[in-house]
mmCIF file of all heavy atoms, coordinates in Angstrom:
data_MODEL
# 
_entry.id   MODEL 
# 
loop_
_atom_site.group_PDB 
_atom_site.id 
_atom_site.type_symbol 
_atom_site.label_atom_id 
_atom_site.label_alt_id 
_atom_site.label_comp_id 
_atom_site.label_asym_id 
_atom_site.label_entity_id 
_atom_site.label_seq_id 
_atom_site.pdbx_PDB_ins_code 
_atom_site.Cartn_x 
_atom_site.Cartn_y 
_atom_site.Cartn_z 
_atom_site.occupancy 
_atom_site.B_iso_or_equiv 
_atom_site.pdbx_formal_charge 
_atom_site.auth_seq_id 
_atom_site.auth_comp_id 
_atom_site.auth_asym_id 
_atom_site.auth_atom_id 
_atom_site.pdbx_PDB_model_num 
ATOM 1   N N   . LEU A 1 1  ? 115.609 55.399 129.650 1.00 0.00 ? 1  LEU A N   1 
ATOM 2   C CA  . LEU A 1 1  ? 115.243 55.343 128.158 1.00 0.00 ? 1  LEU A CA  1 
ATOM 3   C C   . LEU A 1 1  ? 114.048 56.210 127.919 1.00 0.00 ? 1  LEU A C   1 
ATOM 4   O O   . LEU A 1 1  ? 114.080 57.012 127.024 1.00 0.00 ? 1  LEU A O   1 
ATOM 5   C CB  . LEU A 1 1  ? 114.967 53.881 127.747 1.00 0.00 ? 1  LEU A CB  1 
ATOM 6   C CG  . LEU A 1 1  ? 114.586 53.614 126.303 1.00 0.00 ? 1  LEU A CG  1 
ATOM 7   C CD1 . LEU A 1 1  ? 115.628 54.212 125.353 1.00 0.00 ? 1  LEU A CD1 1 
ATOM 8   C CD2 . LEU A 1 1  ? 114.262 52.162 125.982 1.00 0.00 ? 1  LEU A CD2 1 
ATOM 9   N N   . SER A 1 2  ? 113.010 56.103 128.769 1.00 0.00 ? 2  SER A N   1 
ATOM 10  C CA  . SER A 1 2  ? 111.844 57.001 128.560 1.00 0.00 ? 2  SER A CA  1 
ATOM 11  C C   . SER A 1 2  ? 112.083 58.415 128.699 1.00 0.00 ? 2  SER A C   1 
ATOM 12  O O   . SER A 1 2  ? 111.585 59.211 127.954 1.00 0.00 ? 2  SER A O   1 
ATOM 13  C CB  . SER A 1 2  ? 110.718 56.508 129.479 1.00 0.00 ? 2  SER A CB  1 
ATOM 14  O OG  . SER A 1 2  ? 111.092 56.657 130.796 1.00 0.00 ? 2  SER A OG  1 
ATOM 15  N N   . SER A 1 3  ? 112.967 58.806 129.673 1.00 0.00 ? 3  SER A N   1 
ATOM 16  C CA  . SER A 1 3  ? 113.190 60.244 129.818 1.00 0.00 ? 3  SER A CA  1 
ATOM 17  C C   . SER A 1 3  ? 114.093 60.812 128.772 1.00 0.00 ? 3  SER A C   1 
ATOM 18  O O   . SER A 1 3  ? 113.833 61.962 128.300 1.00 0.00 ? 3  SER A O   1 
ATOM 19  C CB  . SER A 1 3  ? 113.901 60.482 131.244 1.00 0.00 ? 3  SER A CB  1 
ATOM 20  O OG  . SER A 1 3  ? 115.158 59.822 131.304 1.00 0.00 ? 3  SER A OG  1 
ATOM 21  N N   . ILE A 1 4  ? 115.009 60.035 128.241 1.00 0.00 ? 4  ILE A N   1 
ATOM 22  C CA  . ILE A 1 4  ? 115.865 60.502 127.111 1.00 0.00 ? 4  ILE A CA  1 
ATOM 23  C C   . ILE A 1 4  ? 114.947 60.634 125.876 1.00 0.00 ? 4  ILE A C   1 
ATOM 24  O O   . ILE A 1 4  ? 115.117 61.575 125.073 1.00 0.00 ? 4  ILE A O   1 
ATOM 25  C CB  . ILE A 1 4  ? 117.074 59.520 126.802 1.00 0.00 ? 4  ILE A CB  1 
ATOM 26  C CG1 . ILE A 1 4  ? 117.968 59.433 128.048 1.00 0.00 ? 4  ILE A CG1 1 
ATOM 27  C CG2 . ILE A 1 4  ? 117.807 59.883 125.608 1.00 0.00 ? 4  ILE A CG2 1 
ATOM 28  C CD1 . ILE A 1 4  ? 118.838 60.655 128.226 1.00 0.00 ? 4  ILE A CD1 1 
ATOM 29  N N   . TRP A 1 5  ? 114.116 59.634 125.656 1.00 0.00 ? 5  TRP A N   1 
ATOM 30  C CA  . TRP A 1 5  ? 113.246 59.631 124.389 1.00 0.00 ? 5  TRP A CA  1 
ATOM 31  C C   . TRP A 1 5  ? 112.336 60.845 124.435 1.00 0.00 ? 5  TRP A C   1 
ATOM 32  O O   . TRP A 1 5  ? 111.999 61.481 123.409 1.00 0.00 ? 5  TRP A O   1 
ATOM 33  C CB  . TRP A 1 5  ? 112.448 58.387 124.426 1.00 0.00 ? 5  TRP A CB  1 
ATOM 34  C CG  . TRP A 1 5  ? 111.681 58.213 123.172 1.00 0.00 ? 5  TRP A CG  1 
ATOM 35  C CD1 . TRP A 1 5  ? 110.323 58.286 122.971 1.00 0.00 ? 5  TRP A CD1 1 
ATOM 36  C CD2 . TRP A 1 5  ? 112.171 57.997 121.817 1.00 0.00 ? 5  TRP A CD2 1 
ATOM 37  N NE1 . TRP A 1 5  ? 109.980 58.173 121.674 1.00 0.00 ? 5  TRP A NE1 1 
ATOM 38  C CE2 . TRP A 1 5  ? 111.081 57.931 120.972 1.00 0.00 ? 5  TRP A CE2 1 
ATOM 39  C CE3 . TRP A 1 5  ? 113.473 57.766 121.367 1.00 0.00 ? 5  TRP A CE3 1 
ATOM 40  C CZ2 . TRP A 1 5  ? 111.232 57.711 119.544 1.00 0.00 ? 5  TRP A CZ2 1 
ATOM 41  C CZ3 . TRP A 1 5  ? 113.653 57.561 119.923 1.00 0.00 ? 5  TRP A CZ3 1 
ATOM 42  C CH2 . TRP A 1 5  ? 112.529 57.568 119.126 1.00 0.00 ? 5  TRP A CH2 1 
ATOM 43  N N   . SER A 1 6  ? 111.882 61.265 125.688 1.00 0.00 ? 6  SER A N   1 
ATOM 44  C CA  . SER A 1 6  ? 111.052 62.391 125.811 1.00 0.00 ? 6  SER A CA  1 
ATOM 45  C C   . SER A 1 6  ? 111.681 63.654 125.417 1.00 0.00 ? 6  SER A C   1 
ATOM 46  O O   . SER A 1 6  ? 111.179 64.543 124.797 1.00 0.00 ? 6  SER A O   1 
ATOM 47  C CB  . SER A 1 6  ? 110.545 62.493 127.369 1.00 0.00 ? 6  SER A CB  1 
ATOM 48  O OG  . SER A 1 6  ? 109.627 63.508 127.462 1.00 0.00 ? 6  SER A OG  1 
ATOM 49  N N   . VAL A 1 7  ? 113.043 63.778 125.707 1.00 0.00 ? 7  VAL A N   1 
ATOM 50  C CA  . VAL A 1 7  ? 113.770 64.971 125.332 1.00 0.00 ? 7  VAL A CA  1 
ATOM 51  C C   . VAL A 1 7  ? 113.866 64.973 123.819 1.00 0.00 ? 7  VAL A C   1 
ATOM 52  O O   . VAL A 1 7  ? 113.737 66.083 123.148 1.00 0.00 ? 7  VAL A O   1 
ATOM 53  C CB  . VAL A 1 7  ? 115.192 64.958 125.910 1.00 0.00 ? 7  VAL A CB  1 
ATOM 54  C CG1 . VAL A 1 7  ? 116.109 65.967 125.282 1.00 0.00 ? 7  VAL A CG1 1 
ATOM 55  C CG2 . VAL A 1 7  ? 115.162 65.015 127.426 1.00 0.00 ? 7  VAL A CG2 1 
ATOM 56  N N   . PHE A 1 8  ? 113.992 63.798 123.209 1.00 0.00 ? 8  PHE A N   1 
ATOM 57  C CA  . PHE A 1 8  ? 114.275 63.719 121.728 1.00 0.00 ? 8  PHE A CA  1 
ATOM 58  C C   . PHE A 1 8  ? 113.042 64.117 120.911 1.00 0.00 ? 8  PHE A C   1 
ATOM 59  O O   . PHE A 1 8  ? 113.147 64.714 119.867 1.00 0.00 ? 8  PHE A O   1 
ATOM 60  C CB  . PHE A 1 8  ? 114.659 62.204 121.436 1.00 0.00 ? 8  PHE A CB  1 
ATOM 61  C CG  . PHE A 1 8  ? 114.724 61.873 119.987 1.00 0.00 ? 8  PHE A CG  1 
ATOM 62  C CD1 . PHE A 1 8  ? 115.739 62.523 119.164 1.00 0.00 ? 8  PHE A CD1 1 
ATOM 63  C CD2 . PHE A 1 8  ? 113.924 61.005 119.390 1.00 0.00 ? 8  PHE A CD2 1 
ATOM 64  C CE1 . PHE A 1 8  ? 115.839 62.226 117.826 1.00 0.00 ? 8  PHE A CE1 1 
ATOM 65  C CE2 . PHE A 1 8  ? 114.016 60.695 118.027 1.00 0.00 ? 8  PHE A CE2 1 
ATOM 66  C CZ  . PHE A 1 8  ? 115.041 61.278 117.294 1.00 0.00 ? 8  PHE A CZ  1 
ATOM 67  N N   . ILE A 1 9  ? 111.827 63.789 121.437 1.00 0.00 ? 9  ILE A N   1 
ATOM 68  C CA  . ILE A 1 9  ? 110.586 64.035 120.659 1.00 0.00 ? 9  ILE A CA  1 
ATOM 69  C C   . ILE A 1 9  ? 109.833 65.327 121.076 1.00 0.00 ? 9  ILE A C   1 
ATOM 70  O O   . ILE A 1 9  ? 108.728 65.574 120.575 1.00 0.00 ? 9  ILE A O   1 
ATOM 71  C CB  . ILE A 1 9  ? 109.605 62.853 120.864 1.00 0.00 ? 9  ILE A CB  1 
ATOM 72  C CG1 . ILE A 1 9  ? 109.227 62.609 122.296 1.00 0.00 ? 9  ILE A CG1 1 
ATOM 73  C CG2 . ILE A 1 9  ? 110.237 61.535 120.293 1.00 0.00 ? 9  ILE A CG2 1 
ATOM 74  C CD1 . ILE A 1 9  ? 108.084 61.712 122.479 1.00 0.00 ? 9  ILE A CD1 1 
ATOM 75  N N   . LYS A 1 10 ? 110.515 66.130 121.833 1.00 0.00 ? 10 LYS A N   1 
ATOM 76  C CA  . LYS A 1 10 ? 109.891 67.421 122.270 1.00 0.00 ? 10 LYS A CA  1 
ATOM 77  C C   . LYS A 1 10 ? 110.685 68.612 121.695 1.00 0.00 ? 10 LYS A C   1 
ATOM 78  O O   . LYS A 1 10 ? 111.788 68.430 121.303 1.00 0.00 ? 10 LYS A O   1 
ATOM 79  C CB  . LYS A 1 10 ? 109.659 67.511 123.797 1.00 0.00 ? 10 LYS A CB  1 
ATOM 80  C CG  . LYS A 1 10 ? 108.573 66.469 124.206 1.00 0.00 ? 10 LYS A CG  1 
ATOM 81  C CD  . LYS A 1 10 ? 108.319 66.548 125.614 1.00 0.00 ? 10 LYS A CD  1 
ATOM 82  C CE  . LYS A 1 10 ? 107.159 65.615 125.981 1.00 0.00 ? 10 LYS A CE  1 
ATOM 83  N NZ  . LYS A 1 10 ? 106.947 65.405 127.366 1.00 0.00 ? 10 LYS A NZ  1 
ATOM 84  N N   . GLN A 1 11 ? 110.090 69.795 121.727 1.00 0.00 ? 11 GLN A N   1 
ATOM 85  C CA  . GLN A 1 11 ? 110.741 70.980 121.226 1.00 0.00 ? 11 GLN A CA  1 
ATOM 86  C C   . GLN A 1 11 ? 110.520 72.109 122.243 1.00 0.00 ? 11 GLN A C   1 
ATOM 87  O O   . GLN A 1 11 ? 109.600 72.112 123.075 1.00 0.00 ? 11 GLN A O   1 
ATOM 88  C CB  . GLN A 1 11 ? 110.107 71.398 119.863 1.00 0.00 ? 11 GLN A CB  1 
ATOM 89  C CG  . GLN A 1 11 ? 110.349 70.318 118.788 1.00 0.00 ? 11 GLN A CG  1 
ATOM 90  C CD  . GLN A 1 11 ? 109.610 70.699 117.565 1.00 0.00 ? 11 GLN A CD  1 
ATOM 91  O OE1 . GLN A 1 11 ? 108.395 70.825 117.464 1.00 0.00 ? 11 GLN A OE1 1 
ATOM 92  N NE2 . GLN A 1 11 ? 110.371 70.910 116.437 1.00 0.00 ? 11 GLN A NE2 1 
ATOM 93  N N   . GLY A 1 12 ? 111.395 73.117 122.086 1.00 0.00 ? 12 GLY A N   1 
ATOM 94  C CA  . GLY A 1 12 ? 111.260 74.370 122.888 1.00 0.00 ? 12 GLY A CA  1 
ATOM 95  C C   . GLY A 1 12 ? 111.174 74.087 124.407 1.00 0.00 ? 12 GLY A C   1 
ATOM 96  O O   . GLY A 1 12 ? 111.980 73.390 124.975 1.00 0.00 ? 12 GLY A O   1 
ATOM 97  N N   . LYS A 1 13 ? 110.230 74.845 125.015 1.00 0.00 ? 13 LYS A N   1 
ATOM 98  C CA  . LYS A 1 13 ? 110.061 74.823 126.471 1.00 0.00 ? 13 LYS A CA  1 
ATOM 99  C C   . LYS A 1 13 ? 109.831 73.403 127.009 1.00 0.00 ? 13 LYS A C   1 
ATOM 100 O O   . LYS A 1 13 ? 110.269 72.956 128.026 1.00 0.00 ? 13 LYS A O   1 
ATOM 101 C CB  . LYS A 1 13 ? 108.989 75.707 126.882 1.00 0.00 ? 13 LYS A CB  1 
ATOM 102 C CG  . LYS A 1 13 ? 108.838 75.905 128.413 1.00 0.00 ? 13 LYS A CG  1 
ATOM 103 C CD  . LYS A 1 13 ? 107.926 77.086 128.754 1.00 0.00 ? 13 LYS A CD  1 
ATOM 104 C CE  . LYS A 1 13 ? 107.639 77.172 130.275 1.00 0.00 ? 13 LYS A CE  1 
ATOM 105 N NZ  . LYS A 1 13 ? 108.661 76.789 131.153 1.00 0.00 ? 13 LYS A NZ  1 
ATOM 106 N N   . GLU A 1 14 ? 109.022 72.629 126.201 1.00 0.00 ? 14 GLU A N   1 
ATOM 107 C CA  . GLU A 1 14 ? 108.645 71.252 126.590 1.00 0.00 ? 14 GLU A CA  1 
ATOM 108 C C   . GLU A 1 14 ? 109.977 70.367 126.616 1.00 0.00 ? 14 GLU A C   1 
ATOM 109 O O   . GLU A 1 14 ? 110.159 69.555 127.551 1.00 0.00 ? 14 GLU A O   1 
ATOM 110 C CB  . GLU A 1 14 ? 107.717 70.657 125.687 1.00 0.00 ? 14 GLU A CB  1 
ATOM 111 C CG  . GLU A 1 14 ? 106.229 71.173 125.860 1.00 0.00 ? 14 GLU A CG  1 
ATOM 112 C CD  . GLU A 1 14 ? 105.264 70.438 124.949 1.00 0.00 ? 14 GLU A CD  1 
ATOM 113 O OE1 . GLU A 1 14 ? 105.717 69.689 124.047 1.00 0.00 ? 14 GLU A OE1 1 
ATOM 114 O OE2 . GLU A 1 14 ? 104.044 70.622 125.155 1.00 0.00 ? 14 GLU A OE2 1 
ATOM 115 N N   . GLN A 1 15 ? 110.780 70.603 125.737 1.00 0.00 ? 15 GLN A N   1 
ATOM 116 C CA  . GLN A 1 15 ? 112.101 69.947 125.666 1.00 0.00 ? 15 GLN A CA  1 
ATOM 117 C C   . GLN A 1 15 ? 112.979 70.301 126.880 1.00 0.00 ? 15 GLN A C   1 
ATOM 118 O O   . GLN A 1 15 ? 113.601 69.399 127.482 1.00 0.00 ? 15 GLN A O   1 
ATOM 119 C CB  . GLN A 1 15 ? 112.884 70.190 124.403 1.00 0.00 ? 15 GLN A CB  1 
ATOM 120 C CG  . GLN A 1 15 ? 114.100 69.289 124.192 1.00 0.00 ? 15 GLN A CG  1 
ATOM 121 C CD  . GLN A 1 15 ? 114.744 69.616 122.831 1.00 0.00 ? 15 GLN A CD  1 
ATOM 122 O OE1 . GLN A 1 15 ? 115.393 70.683 122.654 1.00 0.00 ? 15 GLN A OE1 1 
ATOM 123 N NE2 . GLN A 1 15 ? 114.733 68.728 121.981 1.00 0.00 ? 15 GLN A NE2 1 
ATOM 124 N N   . GLU A 1 16 ? 112.992 71.567 127.194 1.00 0.00 ? 16 GLU A N   1 
ATOM 125 C CA  . GLU A 1 16 ? 113.773 72.031 128.414 1.00 0.00 ? 16 GLU A CA  1 
ATOM 126 C C   . GLU A 1 16 ? 113.232 71.348 129.633 1.00 0.00 ? 16 GLU A C   1 
ATOM 127 O O   . GLU A 1 16 ? 113.981 70.948 130.549 1.00 0.00 ? 16 GLU A O   1 
ATOM 128 C CB  . GLU A 1 16 ? 113.667 73.573 128.527 1.00 0.00 ? 16 GLU A CB  1 
ATOM 129 C CG  . GLU A 1 16 ? 114.464 74.388 127.451 1.00 0.00 ? 16 GLU A CG  1 
ATOM 130 C CD  . GLU A 1 16 ? 114.238 75.774 127.568 1.00 0.00 ? 16 GLU A CD  1 
ATOM 131 O OE1 . GLU A 1 16 ? 113.873 76.317 128.732 1.00 0.00 ? 16 GLU A OE1 1 
ATOM 132 O OE2 . GLU A 1 16 ? 114.401 76.526 126.561 1.00 0.00 ? 16 GLU A OE2 1 
ATOM 133 N N   . GLU A 1 17 ? 111.942 71.298 129.844 1.00 0.00 ? 17 GLU A N   1 
ATOM 134 C CA  . GLU A 1 17 ? 111.359 70.703 130.939 1.00 0.00 ? 17 GLU A CA  1 
ATOM 135 C C   . GLU A 1 17 ? 111.632 69.135 130.944 1.00 0.00 ? 17 GLU A C   1 
ATOM 136 O O   . GLU A 1 17 ? 111.888 68.556 132.087 1.00 0.00 ? 17 GLU A O   1 
ATOM 137 C CB  . GLU A 1 17 ? 109.862 70.827 130.993 1.00 0.00 ? 17 GLU A CB  1 
ATOM 138 C CG  . GLU A 1 17 ? 109.479 72.328 131.180 1.00 0.00 ? 17 GLU A CG  1 
ATOM 139 C CD  . GLU A 1 17 ? 107.913 72.558 130.902 1.00 0.00 ? 17 GLU A CD  1 
ATOM 140 O OE1 . GLU A 1 17 ? 107.294 71.651 130.396 1.00 0.00 ? 17 GLU A OE1 1 
ATOM 141 O OE2 . GLU A 1 17 ? 107.482 73.658 131.275 1.00 0.00 ? 17 GLU A OE2 1 
ATOM 142 N N   . ALA A 1 18 ? 111.710 68.492 129.831 1.00 0.00 ? 18 ALA A N   1 
ATOM 143 C CA  . ALA A 1 18 ? 111.996 67.089 129.812 1.00 0.00 ? 18 ALA A CA  1 
ATOM 144 C C   . ALA A 1 18 ? 113.420 66.757 130.142 1.00 0.00 ? 18 ALA A C   1 
ATOM 145 O O   . ALA A 1 18 ? 113.771 65.649 130.619 1.00 0.00 ? 18 ALA A O   1 
ATOM 146 C CB  . ALA A 1 18 ? 111.683 66.550 128.406 1.00 0.00 ? 18 ALA A CB  1 
ATOM 147 N N   . MET A 1 19 ? 114.298 67.709 129.911 1.00 0.00 ? 19 MET A N   1 
ATOM 148 C CA  . MET A 1 19 ? 115.716 67.587 130.226 1.00 0.00 ? 19 MET A CA  1 
ATOM 149 C C   . MET A 1 19 ? 115.990 67.353 131.717 1.00 0.00 ? 19 MET A C   1 
ATOM 150 O O   . MET A 1 19 ? 116.862 66.607 132.147 1.00 0.00 ? 19 MET A O   1 
ATOM 151 C CB  . MET A 1 19 ? 116.543 68.710 129.783 1.00 0.00 ? 19 MET A CB  1 
ATOM 152 C CG  . MET A 1 19 ? 116.998 68.722 128.306 1.00 0.00 ? 19 MET A CG  1 
ATOM 153 S SD  . MET A 1 19 ? 118.256 67.459 127.969 1.00 0.00 ? 19 MET A SD  1 
ATOM 154 C CE  . MET A 1 19 ? 119.734 68.311 128.559 1.00 0.00 ? 19 MET A CE  1 
ATOM 155 N N   . VAL A 1 20 ? 115.158 67.884 132.586 1.00 0.00 ? 20 VAL A N   1 
ATOM 156 C CA  . VAL A 1 20 ? 115.335 67.842 133.994 1.00 0.00 ? 20 VAL A CA  1 
ATOM 157 C C   . VAL A 1 20 ? 115.336 66.410 134.589 1.00 0.00 ? 20 VAL A C   1 
ATOM 158 O O   . VAL A 1 20 ? 116.337 66.018 135.142 1.00 0.00 ? 20 VAL A O   1 
ATOM 159 C CB  . VAL A 1 20 ? 114.310 68.763 134.784 1.00 0.00 ? 20 VAL A CB  1 
ATOM 160 C CG1 . VAL A 1 20 ? 114.545 68.548 136.288 1.00 0.00 ? 20 VAL A CG1 1 
ATOM 161 C CG2 . VAL A 1 20 ? 114.480 70.209 134.422 1.00 0.00 ? 20 VAL A CG2 1 
ATOM 162 N N   . PRO A 1 21 ? 114.239 65.551 134.387 1.00 0.00 ? 21 PRO A N   1 
ATOM 163 C CA  . PRO A 1 21 ? 114.247 64.273 134.799 1.00 0.00 ? 21 PRO A CA  1 
ATOM 164 C C   . PRO A 1 21 ? 115.322 63.325 134.076 1.00 0.00 ? 21 PRO A C   1 
ATOM 165 O O   . PRO A 1 21 ? 115.851 62.432 134.619 1.00 0.00 ? 21 PRO A O   1 
ATOM 166 C CB  . PRO A 1 21 ? 112.900 63.712 134.539 1.00 0.00 ? 21 PRO A CB  1 
ATOM 167 C CG  . PRO A 1 21 ? 112.344 64.686 133.502 1.00 0.00 ? 21 PRO A CG  1 
ATOM 168 C CD  . PRO A 1 21 ? 112.964 65.968 133.717 1.00 0.00 ? 21 PRO A CD  1 
ATOM 169 N N   . ALA A 1 22 ? 115.592 63.710 132.811 1.00 0.00 ? 22 ALA A N   1 
ATOM 170 C CA  . ALA A 1 22 ? 116.582 62.868 132.040 1.00 0.00 ? 22 ALA A CA  1 
ATOM 171 C C   . ALA A 1 22 ? 117.949 63.057 132.707 1.00 0.00 ? 22 ALA A C   1 
ATOM 172 O O   . ALA A 1 22 ? 118.676 62.034 132.954 1.00 0.00 ? 22 ALA A O   1 
ATOM 173 C CB  . ALA A 1 22 ? 116.669 63.444 130.636 1.00 0.00 ? 22 ALA A CB  1 
ATOM 174 N N   . LEU A 1 23 ? 118.359 64.318 133.072 1.00 0.00 ? 23 LEU A N   1 
ATOM 175 C CA  . LEU A 1 23 ? 119.640 64.501 133.673 1.00 0.00 ? 23 LEU A CA  1 
ATOM 176 C C   . LEU A 1 23 ? 119.751 63.959 135.096 1.00 0.00 ? 23 LEU A C   1 
ATOM 177 O O   . LEU A 1 23 ? 120.799 63.362 135.481 1.00 0.00 ? 23 LEU A O   1 
ATOM 178 C CB  . LEU A 1 23 ? 119.946 66.021 133.719 1.00 0.00 ? 23 LEU A CB  1 
ATOM 179 C CG  . LEU A 1 23 ? 120.125 66.739 132.357 1.00 0.00 ? 23 LEU A CG  1 
ATOM 180 C CD1 . LEU A 1 23 ? 120.353 68.152 132.546 1.00 0.00 ? 23 LEU A CD1 1 
ATOM 181 C CD2 . LEU A 1 23 ? 121.260 66.049 131.582 1.00 0.00 ? 23 LEU A CD2 1 
ATOM 182 N N   . GLU A 1 24 ? 118.615 63.979 135.800 1.00 0.00 ? 24 GLU A N   1 
ATOM 183 C CA  . GLU A 1 24 ? 118.543 63.388 137.119 1.00 0.00 ? 24 GLU A CA  1 
ATOM 184 C C   . GLU A 1 24 ? 118.812 61.892 136.920 1.00 0.00 ? 24 GLU A C   1 
ATOM 185 O O   . GLU A 1 24 ? 119.550 61.310 137.857 1.00 0.00 ? 24 GLU A O   1 
ATOM 186 C CB  . GLU A 1 24 ? 117.125 63.606 137.822 1.00 0.00 ? 24 GLU A CB  1 
ATOM 187 C CG  . GLU A 1 24 ? 116.983 64.969 138.304 1.00 0.00 ? 24 GLU A CG  1 
ATOM 188 C CD  . GLU A 1 24 ? 115.552 65.207 138.872 1.00 0.00 ? 24 GLU A CD  1 
ATOM 189 O OE1 . GLU A 1 24 ? 114.782 64.303 138.800 1.00 0.00 ? 24 GLU A OE1 1 
ATOM 190 O OE2 . GLU A 1 24 ? 115.377 66.383 139.388 1.00 0.00 ? 24 GLU A OE2 1 
ATOM 191 N N   . ASN A 1 25 ? 118.156 61.198 136.082 1.00 0.00 ? 25 ASN A N   1 
ATOM 192 C CA  . ASN A 1 25 ? 118.378 59.767 135.902 1.00 0.00 ? 25 ASN A CA  1 
ATOM 193 C C   . ASN A 1 25 ? 119.816 59.485 135.518 1.00 0.00 ? 25 ASN A C   1 
ATOM 194 O O   . ASN A 1 25 ? 120.376 58.414 136.002 1.00 0.00 ? 25 ASN A O   1 
ATOM 195 C CB  . ASN A 1 25 ? 117.427 59.273 134.785 1.00 0.00 ? 25 ASN A CB  1 
ATOM 196 C CG  . ASN A 1 25 ? 116.010 59.304 135.303 1.00 0.00 ? 25 ASN A CG  1 
ATOM 197 O OD1 . ASN A 1 25 ? 115.728 59.211 136.444 1.00 0.00 ? 25 ASN A OD1 1 
ATOM 198 N ND2 . ASN A 1 25 ? 115.047 59.461 134.359 1.00 0.00 ? 25 ASN A ND2 1 
ATOM 199 N N   . LEU A 1 26 ? 120.399 60.281 134.665 1.00 0.00 ? 26 LEU A N   1 
ATOM 200 C CA  . LEU A 1 26 ? 121.766 60.072 134.242 1.00 0.00 ? 26 LEU A CA  1 
ATOM 201 C C   . LEU A 1 26 ? 122.778 60.235 135.418 1.00 0.00 ? 26 LEU A C   1 
ATOM 202 O O   . LEU A 1 26 ? 123.763 59.538 135.521 1.00 0.00 ? 26 LEU A O   1 
ATOM 203 C CB  . LEU A 1 26 ? 122.203 60.999 133.168 1.00 0.00 ? 26 LEU A CB  1 
ATOM 204 C CG  . LEU A 1 26 ? 121.502 60.750 131.771 1.00 0.00 ? 26 LEU A CG  1 
ATOM 205 C CD1 . LEU A 1 26 ? 121.816 61.869 130.757 1.00 0.00 ? 26 LEU A CD1 1 
ATOM 206 C CD2 . LEU A 1 26 ? 121.844 59.453 131.189 1.00 0.00 ? 26 LEU A CD2 1 
ATOM 207 N N   . LYS A 1 27 ? 122.413 61.075 136.378 1.00 0.00 ? 27 LYS A N   1 
ATOM 208 C CA  . LYS A 1 27 ? 123.222 61.251 137.541 1.00 0.00 ? 27 LYS A CA  1 
ATOM 209 C C   . LYS A 1 27 ? 123.320 60.029 138.380 1.00 0.00 ? 27 LYS A C   1 
ATOM 210 O O   . LYS A 1 27 ? 124.295 59.659 138.990 1.00 0.00 ? 27 LYS A O   1 
ATOM 211 C CB  . LYS A 1 27 ? 122.715 62.406 138.456 1.00 0.00 ? 27 LYS A CB  1 
ATOM 212 C CG  . LYS A 1 27 ? 123.084 63.792 137.945 1.00 0.00 ? 27 LYS A CG  1 
ATOM 213 C CD  . LYS A 1 27 ? 122.451 64.886 138.761 1.00 0.00 ? 27 LYS A CD  1 
ATOM 214 C CE  . LYS A 1 27 ? 122.621 66.327 138.149 1.00 0.00 ? 27 LYS A CE  1 
ATOM 215 N NZ  . LYS A 1 27 ? 121.811 67.296 138.799 1.00 0.00 ? 27 LYS A NZ  1 
# 
């Protein structure tokens, strides 16, 4: 939940960086 939320509330490069842990957790 926290990693997905982080993707949602960020933009640009910060959002790209937030996607990495989010996708790892989904795996």
